[in-house]
Structures are given as structure tokens and as C-alpha cells.
């Protein structure tokens, strides 16, 4: 990569490096948000597979949500990904916020996942 990356890419790269150092074998709860939706995945980086995933586009959630781009949708996705992760046998994760600040929808998703039973 070039020496002059955009700040978001640099933040994401720096965060992933720190997560790899401190993960100690725990899976990663990765968050992606767009202007219209929010997605979350629990990823096992050692084996390169997704253990659980949830999105505001899931049929269960989409019918109950007003929009996929607000804090209520993020909280619903956080609870759903926590349920699915617990069903897959995952209780401890490291939170990967990507290049996003821990604020707003990202924070709402993380708090809902904690309330749902995930430990990070």
C-alpha cells in the first residue's frame, strides 16, 4: 500500500494490528455500517471462517424495523448476533469497530451484544 493512505484505512489497519496482538485466540466481532444498513459478523481468524452473522437486512429483523440505519436497528442486530454466537458456542470475542468511531450505531450494536451475553 502507498505511504499516503486515507485516514480511515490507516485507522482500520492500526486497529486490526492491535486486535491481533490482544485477541489470544478469541474470535472477532466485526462491524460494517453503510448509510442504509448495519452488519455484524463473528469471525474466527485462525481458521478463516464466519461463526455467526446478523444484518439489518435479515428477514426476521427487516419486518420489525422502521429503517436499517438507526440505533434501534443496530441494537437489534447486536442482540441477534449475540444469540447466534452463543448458539455457535462463542462467549468471548474482541470487538472490531473497523474504521468507525465507537459512537452512535456502532456503540449501540456493541452494548446490545454485551447485553445479549457476549463478553468483550
Protein backbone atom coordinates (compact mmCIF):
# COMPACT_ATOMS: atom_id res chain seq x y z
CA UNK A 1 0.00 0.00 0.00
CA UNK A 2 1.07 3.54 -0.53
CA UNK A 3 2.50 5.66 2.25
CA UNK A 4 -0.37 8.13 1.91
CA UNK A 5 -3.48 6.12 2.67
CA UNK A 6 -6.72 7.73 3.59
CA UNK A 7 -7.19 8.16 7.36
CA UNK A 8 -9.99 5.58 7.59
CA UNK A 9 -7.83 2.85 6.04
CA UNK A 10 -4.97 3.70 8.38
CA UNK A 11 -7.28 3.59 11.41
CA UNK A 12 -8.66 0.22 10.32
CA UNK A 13 -5.18 -1.22 9.74
CA UNK A 14 -3.92 0.07 13.10
CA UNK A 15 -6.93 -1.34 14.95
CA UNK A 16 -6.69 -4.78 13.32
CA UNK A 17 -2.99 -4.99 14.23
CA UNK A 18 -3.78 -4.24 17.89
CA UNK A 19 -6.65 -6.74 17.88
CA UNK A 20 -4.38 -9.49 16.56
CA UNK A 21 -1.92 -8.79 19.38
CA UNK A 22 -4.56 -8.85 22.11
CA UNK A 23 -7.02 -11.45 20.79
CA UNK A 24 -5.42 -14.50 22.48
CA UNK A 25 -7.37 -16.87 20.21
CA UNK A 26 -10.75 -15.19 20.65
CA UNK A 27 -12.96 -14.62 17.60
CA UNK A 28 -13.52 -11.11 16.28
CA UNK A 29 -16.88 -9.30 16.26
CA UNK A 30 -16.58 -7.19 13.13
CA UNK A 31 -18.98 -4.34 12.32
CA UNK A 32 -19.80 -2.82 8.95
CA UNK A 33 -22.20 0.07 8.59
CA UNK A 34 -23.46 1.73 5.47
CA UNK A 35 -25.85 4.60 5.00
CA UNK A 36 -28.84 2.26 4.90
CA UNK A 37 -27.90 -0.88 6.88
CA UNK A 38 -25.61 -2.36 9.52
CA UNK A 39 -23.95 -5.78 9.56
CA UNK A 40 -22.05 -7.75 12.21
CA UNK A 41 -20.01 -10.96 11.96
CA UNK A 42 -18.22 -13.14 14.48
CA UNK A 43 -15.09 -14.30 12.63
CA UNK A 44 -12.56 -16.97 13.61
CA UNK A 45 -9.36 -15.58 12.10
CA UNK A 46 -7.30 -18.67 12.91
CA UNK A 47 -9.44 -20.88 10.67
CA UNK A 48 -10.71 -18.12 8.37
CA UNK A 49 -14.44 -18.73 8.80
CA UNK A 50 -17.51 -16.86 9.95
CA UNK A 51 -19.10 -18.36 13.05
CA UNK A 52 -22.17 -16.12 13.27
CA UNK A 53 -23.57 -13.17 11.37
CA UNK A 54 -26.50 -10.78 11.52
CA UNK A 55 -27.67 -7.86 9.48
CA UNK A 56 -30.47 -5.33 9.37
CA UNK A 57 -31.35 -6.98 6.05
CA UNK A 58 -32.29 -10.30 7.73
CA UNK A 59 -35.92 -11.16 7.03
CA UNK A 60 -36.69 -11.50 10.76
CA UNK A 61 -35.43 -8.02 11.55
CA UNK A 62 -36.34 -6.17 8.38
CA UNK A 63 -40.06 -6.66 9.00
CA UNK A 64 -39.85 -5.24 12.53
CA UNK A 65 -37.53 -2.30 11.86
CA UNK A 66 -38.55 1.12 10.62
CA UNK A 67 -35.19 1.57 8.90
CA UNK A 68 -31.89 -0.28 8.91
CA UNK A 69 -29.87 2.85 9.56
CA UNK A 70 -30.67 3.90 13.11
CA UNK A 71 -29.66 2.98 16.66
CA UNK A 72 -32.69 0.75 17.15
CA UNK A 73 -31.68 -1.34 14.14
CA UNK A 74 -28.09 -1.53 15.40
CA UNK A 75 -29.28 -2.70 18.81
CA UNK A 76 -31.48 -5.36 17.22
CA UNK A 77 -28.57 -6.60 15.09
CA UNK A 78 -26.34 -6.68 18.20
CA UNK A 79 -28.83 -8.84 20.10
CA UNK A 80 -29.30 -11.16 17.13
CA UNK A 81 -25.58 -11.66 16.53
CA UNK A 82 -25.10 -12.36 20.25
CA UNK A 83 -27.84 -15.01 20.15
CA UNK A 84 -26.32 -16.65 17.08
CA UNK A 85 -22.80 -16.53 18.54
CA UNK A 86 -23.94 -18.12 21.79
CA UNK A 87 -25.70 -20.83 19.78
CA UNK A 88 -22.39 -21.46 17.97
CA UNK A 89 -20.60 -21.77 21.33
CA UNK A 90 -18.84 -18.40 21.34
CA UNK A 91 -18.96 -16.35 24.54
CA UNK A 92 -15.78 -14.22 24.41
CA UNK A 93 -14.89 -12.04 21.45
CA UNK A 94 -12.79 -8.99 20.62
CA UNK A 95 -14.71 -6.03 19.20
CA UNK A 96 -13.54 -4.81 15.78
CA UNK A 97 -15.13 -1.46 15.08
CA UNK A 98 -13.19 -1.13 11.82
CA UNK A 99 -12.51 2.47 10.85
CA UNK A 100 -15.66 3.69 12.62
CA UNK A 101 -15.64 5.66 15.84
CA UNK A 102 -17.14 3.99 18.91
CA UNK A 103 -20.20 6.22 18.83
CA UNK A 104 -23.81 6.11 17.69
CA UNK A 105 -24.83 2.96 15.82
CA UNK A 106 -21.54 1.14 16.45
CA UNK A 107 -21.82 1.78 20.19
CA UNK A 108 -25.49 0.71 20.22
CA UNK A 109 -24.59 -2.57 18.49
CA UNK A 110 -21.75 -3.27 20.92
CA UNK A 111 -23.87 -2.56 24.01
CA UNK A 112 -26.71 -4.77 22.73
CA UNK A 113 -24.24 -7.59 22.02
CA UNK A 114 -22.94 -7.29 25.59
CA UNK A 115 -26.49 -7.40 26.95
CA UNK A 116 -27.11 -10.43 24.74
CA UNK A 117 -24.35 -12.37 26.51
CA UNK A 118 -21.13 -11.72 24.59
CA UNK A 119 -18.09 -10.82 26.67
CA UNK A 120 -15.65 -8.19 25.32
